[in-house]
């Protein structure tokens, strides 16, 4: 009966898109022409075939060029990406993404939400470029990423179909593997930030379908939607079902669902805790739409929880704030999901990340002031020692450096990190500790800066070994 309902829902979605005189937010607007609907149905067929092929071909390379088949995380029904890092403003920039990739080859990485107009107003070939009242920024500083980050998804914010399509095309040309439309962030309800984007779009499923159809028509890579269970008073399962039916009718095959509704006017932090989680709704979507892929997001803090949710039928799991707090969590991804591949130590992670960070600092990837660039490279490392005996002290040490402008201007990023590590007598033991269940190795070379502890770190260690006295963070 559910499948019958979803079928009728899809027909209803197509009818909604082609109807003349649809209302948007209570205002009459001209509907889409029948010829446009037929064109989109053709796009849907082509895009469905393309997406299935793309999902089947998606692979994740290992850290050292290992065979992709050896590092691939468990997949279900042809969907290869079991774990993803949630897009987070001021968190998932290219530096944080690179740190996660240094930890594990498995997770799919996501950009921060990027406004369509931020891309268009800083692209010389676009008409909006001449309208930019601010000094234009290099496009690479806005949407740049490193080749090692693949697979990486560009999340766009906006509600103008034409602008989103052009921004998506630019992102595709830059090399992104997928375009995602943000229908999940709790948009502001007043002030200059009151824009029609994020969860506010869930009030208008036909508009979301229109935007997605335009993006699909502009690019040849997969297009997905990240949404909530609902928004404000539009929060029933039937309305969620209608949203998925309408949007999937134009060819969207992958939905990332934050398993809470959004409450507009409530701040972002409270929107992650006040609305209750309803995982059962997302599982019901899996049953109702067997032809689609569903990734769940919200309240997932361990890889074991992620594995259990996938075992219940979900295609993927997205982890957000836990990734920021404990990036080394993902070192165990291959162990938990059976994907194989290397399980690194923190020493190996830092060595890899610093090789990247030194170059990023030298070339000023972010097009920012030198001290700001240095801070941006240090921020991802704050949580790297979470759960170890130096975790809290490491956070404080890095934070102190970030506030010391003179040190930021006078030292390279690797010197700053080595200086922080040198203050802990037990740093070597923590750096060489591997996650539980990982094979041991005697080949790890010590970081140069930790060979001799900082003078202030002499004397009795705070703990005898990393596992003996952990911070309860």
Protein backbone atom coordinates (compact mmCIF):
# COMPACT_ATOMS: atom_id res chain seq x y z
CA UNK A 1 0.00 0.00 0.00
CA UNK A 2 2.89 2.36 0.69
CA UNK A 3 4.35 1.84 -2.74
CA UNK A 4 0.97 2.56 -4.28
CA UNK A 5 0.81 5.77 -2.29
CA UNK A 6 4.28 6.84 -3.41
CA UNK A 7 3.34 6.19 -7.03
CA UNK A 8 0.29 8.39 -6.83
CA UNK A 9 2.37 10.95 -4.97
CA UNK A 10 4.84 11.10 -7.85
CA UNK A 11 2.03 11.64 -10.35
CA UNK A 12 0.64 14.34 -8.11
CA UNK A 13 4.10 15.94 -7.95
CA UNK A 14 4.37 16.08 -11.74
CA UNK A 15 0.88 17.51 -11.95
CA UNK A 16 1.79 20.18 -9.41
CA UNK A 17 4.81 21.22 -11.43
CA UNK A 18 2.86 21.58 -14.68
CA UNK A 19 -0.23 23.29 -13.27
CA UNK A 20 -0.90 26.86 -14.36
CA UNK A 21 -1.37 29.44 -11.64
CA UNK A 22 0.43 27.79 -8.72
CA UNK A 23 0.58 29.83 -5.54
CA UNK A 24 3.99 30.53 -3.96
CA UNK A 25 3.85 31.76 -0.35
CA UNK A 26 0.30 32.96 -0.89
CA UNK A 27 1.08 34.93 -4.07
CA UNK A 28 -0.17 33.95 -7.49
CA UNK A 29 2.62 33.04 -9.91
CA UNK A 30 2.65 31.75 -13.43
CA UNK A 31 2.93 27.96 -13.56
CA UNK A 32 5.28 26.00 -15.74
CA UNK A 33 4.20 25.28 -19.29
CA UNK A 34 3.30 21.78 -20.37
CA UNK A 35 6.22 21.70 -22.78
CA UNK A 36 8.54 22.48 -19.89
CA UNK A 37 7.07 19.57 -17.95
CA UNK A 38 7.67 17.18 -20.83
CA UNK A 39 11.24 18.41 -21.09
CA UNK A 40 11.77 17.79 -17.38
CA UNK A 41 10.34 14.31 -17.61
CA UNK A 42 12.90 13.62 -20.33
CA UNK A 43 15.58 15.11 -18.08
CA UNK A 44 14.36 12.85 -15.28
CA UNK A 45 14.87 9.73 -17.38
CA UNK A 46 18.32 10.78 -18.54
CA UNK A 47 19.37 11.87 -15.07
CA UNK A 48 18.12 8.67 -13.43
CA UNK A 49 20.25 6.60 -15.79
CA UNK A 50 23.21 8.91 -15.28
CA UNK A 51 22.94 8.88 -11.49
CA UNK A 52 22.73 5.10 -11.26
CA UNK A 53 25.85 4.84 -13.38
CA UNK A 54 27.60 7.51 -11.32
CA UNK A 55 26.77 5.79 -8.03
CA UNK A 56 28.05 2.48 -9.34
CA UNK A 57 31.30 4.04 -10.54
CA UNK A 58 32.03 6.09 -7.41
CA UNK A 59 35.17 4.96 -5.62
CA UNK A 60 37.32 6.41 -2.86
CA UNK A 61 41.08 6.29 -3.22
CA UNK A 62 43.30 5.27 -0.32
CA UNK A 63 45.83 7.58 1.27
CA UNK A 64 48.77 6.12 -0.58
CA UNK A 65 47.21 5.36 -3.93
CA UNK A 66 45.85 2.00 -2.80
CA UNK A 67 43.45 0.14 -5.02
CA UNK A 68 40.03 1.72 -4.59
CA UNK A 69 38.39 -1.67 -4.16
CA UNK A 70 40.52 -2.21 -1.05
CA UNK A 71 39.33 1.00 0.62
CA UNK A 72 35.67 1.11 -0.30
CA UNK A 73 33.20 1.26 2.56
CA UNK A 74 30.31 -1.19 2.62
CA UNK A 75 27.62 -0.31 0.09
CA UNK A 76 23.93 -1.11 -0.17
CA UNK A 77 21.81 -1.44 -3.30
CA UNK A 78 24.49 0.16 -5.46
CA UNK A 79 24.95 3.17 -3.16
CA UNK A 80 28.66 3.32 -2.28
CA UNK A 81 28.93 6.12 0.27
CA UNK A 82 27.89 4.84 3.67
CA UNK A 83 29.41 7.70 5.71
CA UNK A 84 29.34 11.44 5.00
CA UNK A 85 30.50 14.53 6.89
CA UNK A 86 27.66 17.03 7.25
CA UNK A 87 28.02 20.51 5.74
CA UNK A 88 28.62 22.98 8.58
CA UNK A 89 29.10 26.73 8.25
CA UNK A 90 32.51 27.85 9.53
CA UNK A 91 33.54 24.22 9.99
CA UNK A 92 33.70 22.18 6.79
CA UNK A 93 36.03 24.47 4.87
CA UNK A 94 38.73 22.94 2.68
CA UNK A 95 41.17 22.70 5.62
CA UNK A 96 38.81 20.71 7.83
CA UNK A 97 37.87 18.50 4.89
CA UNK A 98 41.54 17.85 4.21
CA UNK A 99 42.11 16.86 7.84
CA UNK A 100 39.25 14.34 7.64
CA UNK A 101 40.71 12.95 4.43
CA UNK A 102 44.08 12.58 6.18
CA UNK A 103 42.26 10.53 8.82
CA UNK A 104 40.27 8.31 6.45
CA UNK A 105 39.67 7.81 2.72
CA UNK A 106 36.10 6.66 3.33
CA UNK A 107 33.75 9.56 4.26
CA UNK A 108 32.17 11.69 1.57
CA UNK A 109 33.13 15.30 2.25
CA UNK A 110 30.78 18.27 1.92
CA UNK A 111 31.47 21.95 1.45
CA UNK A 112 29.96 24.57 3.68
CA UNK A 113 26.71 25.88 2.27
CA UNK A 114 27.75 28.30 -0.48
CA UNK A 115 25.35 30.92 -1.75
CA UNK A 116 24.70 30.80 -5.48
CA UNK A 117 25.27 34.54 -5.64
CA UNK A 118 28.64 34.24 -3.86
CA UNK A 119 29.82 32.17 -6.80
CA UNK A 120 28.19 34.29 -9.51
CA UNK A 121 29.25 37.67 -8.10
CA UNK A 122 32.88 36.51 -8.07
CA UNK A 123 32.99 34.86 -11.50
CA UNK A 124 34.14 37.25 -14.21
CA UNK A 125 32.17 35.54 -16.95
CA UNK A 126 28.86 36.02 -15.13
CA UNK A 127 26.74 39.20 -15.45
CA UNK A 128 26.52 39.58 -11.66
CA UNK A 129 30.28 40.18 -11.49
CA UNK A 130 29.92 43.85 -12.45
CA UNK A 131 27.23 44.31 -9.77
CA UNK A 132 29.52 43.26 -6.92
CA UNK A 133 29.89 46.27 -4.61
CA UNK A 134 32.72 44.59 -2.71
CA UNK A 135 36.21 43.83 -4.00
CA UNK A 136 35.83 40.50 -5.83
CA UNK A 137 37.43 37.46 -4.24
CA UNK A 138 39.27 34.79 -6.21
CA UNK A 139 36.77 32.05 -6.98
CA UNK A 140 39.28 29.48 -5.76
CA UNK A 141 39.11 31.04 -2.29
CA UNK A 142 35.35 30.42 -2.29
CA UNK A 143 34.94 26.98 -3.85
CA UNK A 144 38.49 25.64 -4.08
CA UNK A 145 39.41 22.16 -2.87
CA UNK A 146 42.30 19.71 -3.11
CA UNK A 147 42.27 16.68 -5.39
CA UNK A 148 42.73 14.39 -2.38
CA UNK A 149 39.31 15.41 -1.04
CA UNK A 150 37.29 13.42 -3.60
CA UNK A 151 34.49 12.52 -3.34
CA UNK A 152 33.36 16.02 -2.37
CA UNK A 153 29.88 17.56 -2.61
CA UNK A 154 29.08 21.22 -3.21
CA UNK A 155 26.06 22.38 -1.21
CA UNK A 156 24.34 25.41 -2.69
CA UNK A 157 22.00 27.85 -0.99
CA UNK A 158 19.39 29.89 -2.83
CA UNK A 159 15.95 29.72 -4.41
CA UNK A 160 16.38 31.22 -7.88
CA UNK A 161 16.42 28.33 -10.34
CA UNK A 162 18.46 30.11 -13.01
CA UNK A 163 21.10 31.36 -10.57
CA UNK A 164 21.39 27.97 -8.89
CA UNK A 165 21.83 26.29 -12.27
CA UNK A 166 24.65 28.61 -13.30
CA UNK A 167 26.38 28.30 -9.93
CA UNK A 168 26.08 24.50 -10.12
CA UNK A 169 27.65 24.50 -13.57
CA UNK A 170 30.63 26.47 -12.27
CA UNK A 171 31.00 24.03 -9.35
CA UNK A 172 30.89 21.10 -11.76
CA UNK A 173 33.58 22.70 -13.91
CA UNK A 174 35.70 23.11 -10.78
CA UNK A 175 35.48 19.33 -10.28
CA UNK A 176 32.87 18.70 -7.59
CA UNK A 177 31.35 15.22 -7.63
CA UNK A 178 27.78 16.18 -6.71
CA UNK A 179 25.56 19.22 -6.27
CA UNK A 180 23.26 19.46 -3.26
CA UNK A 181 20.44 21.94 -2.71
CA UNK A 182 20.11 23.07 0.90
CA UNK A 183 16.53 22.62 2.12
CA UNK A 184 17.43 21.96 5.74
CA UNK A 185 19.07 24.98 7.40
CA UNK A 186 16.65 26.96 9.61
CA UNK A 187 16.47 30.24 7.67
CA UNK A 188 16.21 33.48 9.62
CA UNK A 189 12.73 34.98 9.97
CA UNK A 190 13.61 38.67 10.08
CA UNK A 191 16.34 41.17 9.25
CA UNK A 192 18.67 41.22 6.26
CA UNK A 193 19.32 37.48 6.64
CA UNK A 194 15.66 36.69 5.91
CA UNK A 195 16.07 34.86 2.62
CA UNK A 196 14.11 32.12 0.95
CA UNK A 197 16.54 29.26 1.36
CA UNK A 198 17.14 26.19 3.48
CA UNK A 199 14.21 24.73 5.40
CA UNK A 200 11.97 27.61 4.32
CA UNK A 201 11.94 26.00 0.86
CA UNK A 202 10.05 23.02 2.28
CA UNK A 203 6.95 25.24 2.34
CA UNK A 204 7.06 25.18 -1.46
CA UNK A 205 7.89 21.71 -2.91
CA UNK A 206 7.14 22.81 -6.52
CA UNK A 207 9.74 25.58 -6.20
CA UNK A 208 12.31 23.06 -4.95
CA UNK A 209 11.44 20.82 -7.89
CA UNK A 210 11.84 23.77 -10.26
CA UNK A 211 15.28 24.58 -8.83
CA UNK A 212 16.42 20.96 -8.95
CA UNK A 213 15.18 20.53 -12.52
CA UNK A 214 17.19 23.58 -13.58
CA UNK A 215 20.32 22.26 -11.86
CA UNK A 216 19.87 18.79 -13.36
CA UNK A 217 19.51 20.32 -16.80
CA UNK A 218 22.72 22.32 -16.31
CA UNK A 219 25.09 19.63 -15.01
CA UNK A 220 25.99 16.02 -15.69
CA UNK A 221 26.83 15.05 -12.10
CA UNK A 222 24.35 13.78 -9.47
CA UNK A 223 22.02 16.29 -7.82
CA UNK A 224 20.68 15.69 -4.31
CA UNK A 225 18.56 17.49 -1.71
CA UNK A 226 19.26 17.85 2.00
CA UNK A 227 16.09 18.54 3.95
CA UNK A 228 14.34 18.24 7.31
CA UNK A 229 11.28 16.20 8.25
CA UNK A 230 9.28 19.39 7.91
CA UNK A 231 9.20 23.04 8.87
CA UNK A 232 7.05 24.84 11.45
CA UNK A 233 3.40 23.81 11.00
CA UNK A 234 4.18 21.83 7.84
CA UNK A 235 5.40 18.86 9.84
CA UNK A 236 3.29 15.78 9.10
CA UNK A 237 4.62 12.63 7.47
CA UNK A 238 2.13 13.09 4.64
CA UNK A 239 3.61 16.50 3.84
CA UNK A 240 7.14 15.06 3.95
CA UNK A 241 5.98 12.31 1.59
CA UNK A 242 4.54 14.95 -0.75
CA UNK A 243 7.83 16.88 -0.69
CA UNK A 244 9.89 13.82 -1.63
CA UNK A 245 7.35 12.80 -4.31
CA UNK A 246 7.33 16.23 -5.93
CA UNK A 247 11.09 16.73 -5.92
CA UNK A 248 12.00 13.19 -6.98
CA UNK A 249 9.64 13.53 -9.96
CA UNK A 250 12.16 15.79 -11.72
CA UNK A 251 15.04 13.34 -11.29
CA UNK A 252 16.48 13.80 -7.79
CA UNK A 253 17.42 10.33 -6.55
CA UNK A 254 19.21 11.04 -3.27
CA UNK A 255 17.73 12.73 -0.20
CA UNK A 256 19.73 13.49 2.93
CA UNK A 257 17.19 13.86 5.72
CA UNK A 258 17.92 15.54 9.04
CA UNK A 259 15.51 13.53 11.18
CA UNK A 260 14.04 16.58 12.93
CA UNK A 261 11.72 19.28 11.74
CA UNK A 262 13.01 22.87 11.55
CA UNK A 263 11.53 25.64 13.66
CA UNK A 264 12.09 28.98 11.96
CA UNK A 265 12.96 31.69 14.45
CA UNK A 266 14.74 29.21 16.71
CA UNK A 267 18.51 29.50 16.55
CA UNK A 268 20.62 26.89 14.80
CA UNK A 269 21.92 25.32 18.02
CA UNK A 270 18.43 24.79 19.46
CA UNK A 271 17.21 23.47 16.11
CA UNK A 272 19.67 20.61 16.60
CA UNK A 273 18.16 19.62 19.95
CA UNK A 274 14.66 20.99 20.62
CA UNK A 275 12.71 19.30 17.80
CA UNK A 276 12.56 15.55 18.55
CA UNK A 277 14.39 13.01 16.40
CA UNK A 278 12.17 10.69 14.36
CA UNK A 279 14.37 8.12 12.69
CA UNK A 280 11.30 6.00 11.99
CA UNK A 281 10.04 8.57 9.48
CA UNK A 282 13.23 8.29 7.42
CA UNK A 283 13.02 4.49 7.53
CA UNK A 284 9.43 4.77 6.35
CA UNK A 285 10.61 6.85 3.39
CA UNK A 286 12.96 4.01 2.45
CA UNK A 287 9.95 1.69 2.28
CA UNK A 288 7.74 4.18 0.45
CA UNK A 289 10.34 5.11 -2.18
CA UNK A 290 12.36 1.97 -2.98
CA UNK A 291 13.75 3.61 -6.13
CA UNK A 292 15.45 6.40 -4.15
CA UNK A 293 18.50 6.67 -1.87
CA UNK A 294 18.17 8.02 1.68
CA UNK A 295 20.93 9.20 4.00
CA UNK A 296 20.00 10.03 7.60
CA UNK A 297 21.42 12.89 9.67
CA UNK A 298 20.90 14.10 13.22
CA UNK A 299 22.06 12.93 16.65
CA UNK A 300 24.49 10.28 15.36
CA UNK A 301 27.68 10.27 17.42
CA UNK A 302 29.32 6.89 16.84
CA UNK A 303 30.25 4.74 13.88
CA UNK A 304 28.49 1.81 15.52
CA UNK A 305 25.21 3.75 15.57
CA UNK A 306 25.74 4.57 11.90
CA UNK A 307 26.35 0.91 11.10
CA UNK A 308 23.17 -0.13 12.92
CA UNK A 309 21.07 2.42 11.02
CA UNK A 310 22.40 1.18 7.70
CA UNK A 311 21.63 -2.38 8.78
CA UNK A 312 18.00 -1.27 9.25
CA UNK A 313 17.76 -0.29 5.60
CA UNK A 314 19.17 3.21 5.22
CA UNK A 315 21.65 3.80 2.42
CA UNK A 316 23.93 6.21 4.24
CA UNK A 317 24.56 8.10 7.46
CA UNK A 318 25.76 11.68 7.86
CA UNK A 319 27.66 12.80 10.96
CA UNK A 320 27.99 16.49 11.83
CA UNK A 321 29.06 18.08 15.10
CA UNK A 322 30.74 14.90 16.34
CA UNK A 323 33.08 15.14 13.35
CA UNK A 324 34.14 18.61 14.46
CA UNK A 325 34.59 17.59 18.09
CA UNK A 326 36.40 14.31 17.34
CA UNK A 327 37.78 14.15 13.78
CA UNK A 328 39.95 11.12 14.62
CA UNK A 329 36.72 9.15 15.13
CA UNK A 330 36.78 8.31 11.41
CA UNK A 331 40.09 6.47 11.63
CA UNK A 332 37.99 3.41 12.53
CA UNK A 333 35.62 3.68 9.56
CA UNK A 334 37.21 0.82 7.64
CA UNK A 335 37.21 -1.39 10.75
CA UNK A 336 33.55 -0.77 11.59
CA UNK A 337 32.19 -1.03 8.05
CA UNK A 338 34.55 -3.67 6.73
CA UNK A 339 35.95 -1.46 4.00
CA UNK A 340 39.58 -2.24 4.77
CA UNK A 341 42.34 0.27 4.20
CA UNK A 342 44.88 1.78 6.54
CA UNK A 343 44.09 2.74 10.13
CA UNK A 344 46.42 5.67 10.84
CA UNK A 345 47.91 7.04 14.02
CA UNK A 346 47.54 10.69 14.94
CA UNK A 347 51.22 11.09 14.09
CA UNK A 348 50.54 10.02 10.51
CA UNK A 349 47.49 12.27 10.32
CA UNK A 350 49.42 15.33 11.51
CA UNK A 351 52.31 14.61 9.16
CA UNK A 352 49.95 14.45 6.19
CA UNK A 353 47.95 17.47 7.23
CA UNK A 354 51.01 19.64 7.82
CA UNK A 355 52.37 18.79 4.37
CA UNK A 356 49.13 20.26 3.01
CA UNK A 357 48.94 23.14 5.49
CA UNK A 358 52.45 24.45 4.80
CA UNK A 359 51.60 24.75 1.11
CA UNK A 360 48.19 26.27 1.85
CA UNK A 361 49.80 28.88 4.09
CA UNK A 362 52.50 29.66 1.54
CA UNK A 363 50.00 30.10 -1.31
CA UNK A 364 47.32 31.74 0.88
CA UNK A 365 44.54 29.44 -0.30
CA UNK A 366 41.89 31.53 1.48
CA UNK A 367 43.08 34.91 0.18
CA UNK A 368 43.15 36.26 3.74
CA UNK A 369 45.54 38.12 6.03
CA UNK A 370 48.52 35.95 7.08
CA UNK A 371 47.41 35.62 10.70
CA UNK A 372 43.84 34.76 9.64
CA UNK A 373 45.15 32.12 7.26
CA UNK A 374 47.24 30.57 10.04
CA UNK A 375 44.24 30.47 12.38
CA UNK A 376 42.11 28.81 9.71
CA UNK A 377 44.69 26.04 9.39
CA UNK A 378 44.92 25.51 13.16
CA UNK A 379 41.17 25.37 13.84
CA UNK A 380 40.60 21.85 12.39
CA UNK A 381 43.29 20.43 14.70
CA UNK A 382 41.62 21.54 17.94
CA UNK A 383 39.66 18.28 18.38
CA UNK A 384 42.29 15.87 17.05
CA UNK A 385 43.29 14.67 20.54
CA UNK A 386 39.75 14.40 21.89
CA UNK A 387 39.48 11.59 24.43
CA UNK A 388 43.21 11.37 25.15
CA UNK A 389 45.12 12.39 28.26
CA UNK A 390 46.27 15.61 26.56
CA UNK A 391 42.97 16.48 24.87
CA UNK A 392 41.88 19.44 27.01
CA UNK A 393 45.40 20.83 27.37
CA UNK A 394 45.98 20.52 23.61
CA UNK A 395 42.81 22.47 22.90
CA UNK A 396 43.90 25.21 25.27
CA UNK A 397 47.42 25.33 23.85
CA UNK A 398 46.21 25.64 20.26
CA UNK A 399 43.63 28.24 21.27
CA UNK A 400 46.33 30.30 22.99
CA UNK A 401 48.44 30.22 19.83
CA UNK A 402 45.45 31.29 17.74
CA UNK A 403 45.13 34.42 19.91
CA UNK A 404 48.84 35.27 19.69
CA UNK A 405 49.10 37.40 16.56
CA UNK A 406 52.86 37.74 16.80
CA UNK A 407 53.39 33.97 16.83
CA UNK A 408 50.98 33.53 13.94
CA UNK A 409 52.95 36.04 11.88
CA UNK A 410 56.43 34.84 12.80
CA UNK A 411 56.18 31.06 12.39
CA UNK A 412 55.06 28.54 9.80
CA UNK A 413 52.06 26.38 10.57
CA UNK A 414 54.20 23.25 11.09
CA UNK A 415 56.40 25.12 13.57
CA UNK A 416 53.34 26.25 15.51
CA UNK A 417 51.95 22.71 15.71
CA UNK A 418 55.30 21.19 16.67
CA UNK A 419 55.67 23.84 19.35
CA UNK A 420 52.31 22.91 20.85
CA UNK A 421 53.12 19.19 20.82
CA UNK A 422 56.49 19.82 22.43
CA UNK A 423 54.80 21.05 25.58
CA UNK A 424 53.51 17.57 26.46
CA UNK A 425 55.88 14.89 27.77
CA UNK A 426 53.39 12.17 26.82
CA UNK A 427 52.84 13.43 23.26
CA UNK A 428 54.80 10.61 21.59
CA UNK A 429 52.73 7.90 23.26
CA UNK A 430 49.47 9.59 22.27
CA UNK A 431 50.64 10.25 18.72
CA UNK A 432 51.49 6.58 18.15
CA UNK A 433 48.35 5.13 19.73
CA UNK A 434 46.08 3.41 17.23
CA UNK A 435 42.31 2.98 17.50
CA UNK A 436 41.08 -0.12 19.27
CA UNK A 437 41.12 -3.12 16.97
CA UNK A 438 43.65 -1.64 14.53
CA UNK A 439 46.80 -3.59 13.62
CA UNK A 440 50.00 -2.33 15.24
CA UNK A 441 53.01 -1.05 13.33
CA UNK A 442 56.62 -0.35 14.33
CA UNK A 443 57.40 1.72 11.24
CA UNK A 444 56.01 5.07 12.35
CA UNK A 445 58.69 7.75 12.37
CA UNK A 446 58.49 10.32 15.19
CA UNK A 447 57.64 13.91 14.43
CA UNK A 448 60.79 16.00 14.63
CA UNK A 449 59.29 18.43 17.10
CA UNK A 450 58.27 15.74 19.59
CA UNK A 451 61.69 14.11 19.83
CA UNK A 452 62.53 16.56 22.61
CA UNK A 453 59.77 17.73 24.90
CA UNK A 454 59.36 21.39 25.71
CA UNK A 455 61.21 22.34 28.93
CA UNK A 456 57.90 22.98 30.67
CA UNK A 457 56.86 19.40 29.94
CA UNK A 458 59.65 17.79 31.97
CA UNK A 459 58.93 15.93 35.18
CA UNK A 460 56.11 13.54 35.91
CA UNK A 461 53.68 12.92 33.09
CA UNK A 462 49.99 13.53 33.69
CA UNK A 463 49.33 9.89 32.85
CA UNK A 464 51.39 6.79 32.31
CA UNK A 465 49.87 5.99 28.94
CA UNK A 466 47.25 7.52 26.66
CA UNK A 467 44.59 5.05 27.72
CA UNK A 468 45.19 5.40 31.43
CA UNK A 469 43.92 8.89 32.14
CA UNK A 470 41.69 10.26 29.41
CA UNK A 471 39.86 13.54 29.45
CA UNK A 472 36.15 12.88 29.81
CA UNK A 473 35.13 15.41 27.17
